Amino acid sequence: MTATTITKTIFLNAPREHVWSFLTEKDKLARWFHPAEEDLQEGADYTLLDQHGDMNRICWGRVLEMKPHERLVYTFTVKPLNGAMTTVRWTLEDAAGGTRLTLVHEGIEQAAGEAAFMMLSALDAGWDEHFGRFRTQVREPVPA
């Protein structure tokens, strides 16, 4: 990892299976991150949509690896990166009756070039905001 890798860890009062569903199922992704066109599937492209009215593509990539309840890896880009891909890696571990969820987002400096610090700052703040919603949503009962 480099100095330009974003790494964040949160602890959730939920089993890994429940946390996993919020990382991979379109309806649950919409509750904390962005609406997805469909559930994430290994080897498939994915598209997340802007939830603020226009439902345009906001971020997208390809799911590289899915090891249910343990690890999820996908490429990730947003409009300001002009299609240059970064990598997002999620790791789920048991922790004192709950789940330790770790995000590693790398390749930002290579993808953003001269705008790397601005993009790192924006993504870092964005992940903080999304993690706040994740904590709240994973605790609430999921509608049937």
Protein backbone atom coordinates (compact mmCIF):
# COMPACT_ATOMS: atom_id res chain seq x y z
CA MET A 1 0.00 0.00 0.00
CA THR A 2 1.08 3.51 -0.70
CA ALA A 3 0.50 6.82 1.05
CA THR A 4 -2.33 7.38 -1.42
CA THR A 5 -4.29 4.26 -0.44
CA ILE A 6 -7.48 4.91 1.52
CA THR A 7 -7.96 2.37 4.33
CA LYS A 8 -10.94 2.47 6.67
CA THR A 9 -12.19 -0.01 9.26
CA ILE A 10 -15.50 -0.04 11.11
CA PHE A 11 -17.02 -2.47 13.59
CA LEU A 12 -20.63 -3.48 13.07
CA ASN A 13 -23.01 -5.16 15.48
CA ALA A 14 -24.14 -7.68 12.87
CA PRO A 15 -22.94 -11.05 11.56
CA ARG A 16 -20.77 -11.16 8.44
CA GLU A 17 -23.62 -12.68 6.40
CA HIS A 18 -25.80 -9.64 7.11
CA VAL A 19 -22.99 -7.16 6.39
CA TRP A 20 -22.19 -9.00 3.14
CA SER A 21 -25.74 -8.51 1.90
CA PHE A 22 -25.30 -4.71 2.24
CA LEU A 23 -22.18 -4.86 0.06
CA THR A 24 -23.65 -6.99 -2.72
CA GLU A 25 -27.46 -6.70 -2.97
CA LYS A 26 -28.83 -3.81 -5.01
CA ASP A 27 -31.67 -2.90 -2.65
CA LYS A 28 -29.36 -2.79 0.36
CA LEU A 29 -26.58 -0.92 -1.52
CA ALA A 30 -29.14 1.80 -2.20
CA ARG A 31 -29.76 2.23 1.53
CA TRP A 32 -26.17 3.31 2.35
CA PHE A 33 -24.20 3.84 -0.87
CA HIS A 34 -25.92 4.25 -4.26
CA PRO A 35 -28.71 2.42 -6.06
CA ALA A 36 -27.35 -0.42 -8.20
CA GLU A 37 -28.79 -1.64 -11.46
CA GLU A 38 -28.57 -5.22 -10.16
CA ASP A 39 -26.96 -7.34 -7.45
CA LEU A 40 -23.16 -7.59 -7.71
CA GLN A 41 -21.91 -10.78 -9.36
CA GLU A 42 -18.35 -12.04 -9.73
CA GLY A 43 -16.95 -11.37 -13.19
CA ALA A 44 -19.78 -8.97 -14.10
CA ASP A 45 -19.81 -5.24 -14.65
CA TYR A 46 -21.82 -3.14 -12.21
CA THR A 47 -23.28 0.36 -12.30
CA LEU A 48 -24.29 2.51 -9.32
CA LEU A 49 -26.67 5.39 -9.90
CA ASP A 50 -26.93 8.93 -8.55
CA GLN A 51 -29.70 8.87 -5.98
CA HIS A 52 -30.38 12.61 -6.13
CA GLY A 53 -33.08 12.59 -8.76
CA ASP A 54 -31.54 12.02 -12.18
CA MET A 55 -30.49 8.37 -11.63
CA ASN A 56 -27.48 8.78 -13.96
CA ARG A 57 -24.45 6.53 -13.67
CA ILE A 58 -22.28 7.81 -10.81
CA CYS A 59 -19.73 5.00 -10.40
CA TRP A 60 -19.06 1.73 -12.14
CA GLY A 61 -16.58 -1.07 -12.68
CA ARG A 62 -16.25 -4.85 -12.68
CA VAL A 63 -16.51 -7.31 -9.80
CA LEU A 64 -13.17 -9.16 -9.74
CA GLU A 65 -13.63 -11.43 -6.73
CA MET A 66 -16.45 -12.49 -4.41
CA LYS A 67 -15.69 -14.79 -1.52
CA PRO A 68 -19.04 -14.65 0.30
CA HIS A 69 -18.94 -13.24 3.83
CA GLU A 70 -15.13 -12.76 3.60
CA ARG A 71 -13.86 -10.66 0.67
CA LEU A 72 -15.19 -8.55 -2.19
CA VAL A 73 -12.93 -6.89 -4.77
CA TYR A 74 -13.99 -4.68 -7.66
CA THR A 75 -12.66 -2.04 -9.99
CA PHE A 76 -14.16 1.38 -9.35
CA THR A 77 -14.33 4.66 -11.22
CA VAL A 78 -16.33 7.87 -11.07
CA LYS A 79 -16.97 10.52 -13.73
CA PRO A 80 -14.03 12.80 -12.70
CA LEU A 81 -11.61 9.90 -13.35
CA ASN A 82 -12.72 9.73 -17.01
CA GLY A 83 -12.91 5.94 -16.99
CA ALA A 84 -9.53 5.32 -15.28
CA MET A 85 -10.04 2.44 -12.85
CA THR A 86 -9.10 2.13 -9.18
CA THR A 87 -9.54 -0.95 -6.97
CA VAL A 88 -11.81 -1.34 -3.93
CA ARG A 89 -11.26 -4.29 -1.59
CA TRP A 90 -13.63 -5.16 1.26
CA THR A 91 -12.65 -7.62 4.00
CA LEU A 92 -15.11 -8.99 6.56
CA GLU A 93 -13.83 -10.60 9.77
CA ASP A 94 -15.50 -11.85 12.94
CA ALA A 95 -14.92 -9.45 15.83
CA ALA A 96 -16.28 -9.95 19.37
CA GLY A 97 -19.71 -11.11 18.23
CA GLY A 98 -19.96 -8.65 15.34
CA THR A 99 -18.09 -7.87 12.14
CA ARG A 100 -14.92 -5.91 11.45
CA LEU A 101 -15.32 -4.42 7.97
CA THR A 102 -12.24 -3.01 6.24
CA LEU A 103 -12.15 -1.02 3.02
CA VAL A 104 -8.94 -0.58 1.02
CA HIS A 105 -9.26 1.76 -1.97
CA GLU A 106 -6.10 1.95 -4.07
CA GLY A 107 -4.83 3.15 -7.44
CA ILE A 108 -6.30 6.63 -7.01
CA GLU A 109 -3.06 8.50 -7.62
CA GLN A 110 -2.40 6.63 -10.88
CA ALA A 111 -5.98 7.14 -12.04
CA ALA A 112 -6.27 10.83 -11.13
CA GLY A 113 -2.81 12.08 -12.14
CA GLU A 114 -2.33 15.75 -11.27
CA ALA A 115 -5.73 15.87 -9.57
CA ALA A 116 -4.78 13.02 -7.20
CA PHE A 117 -4.92 14.94 -3.93
CA MET A 118 -8.28 16.51 -4.77
CA MET A 119 -9.66 13.08 -5.72
CA LEU A 120 -8.19 11.41 -2.59
CA SER A 121 -9.78 14.08 -0.40
CA ALA A 122 -13.16 13.74 -2.10
CA LEU A 123 -13.17 9.93 -1.98
CA ASP A 124 -11.95 9.89 1.64
CA ALA A 125 -14.78 12.21 2.71
CA GLY A 126 -17.26 10.27 0.61
CA TRP A 127 -16.34 6.93 2.20
CA ASP A 128 -16.71 8.51 5.67
CA GLU A 129 -20.21 9.70 4.78
CA HIS A 130 -21.19 6.32 3.31
CA PHE A 131 -19.79 4.44 6.32
CA GLY A 132 -21.93 6.58 8.62
CA ARG A 133 -25.04 5.51 6.72
CA PHE A 134 -23.78 1.90 6.59
CA ARG A 135 -23.58 1.78 10.41
CA THR A 136 -27.16 3.02 10.74
CA GLN A 137 -28.66 0.84 8.00
CA VAL A 138 -27.00 -2.44 8.98
CA ARG A 139 -28.51 -2.12 12.47
CA GLU A 140 -32.05 -1.55 11.26
CA PRO A 141 -34.32 -4.48 10.37
CA VAL A 142 -34.31 -5.10 6.64
CA PRO A 143 -37.76 -4.75 5.04
CA ALA A 144 -39.04 -8.07 3.70
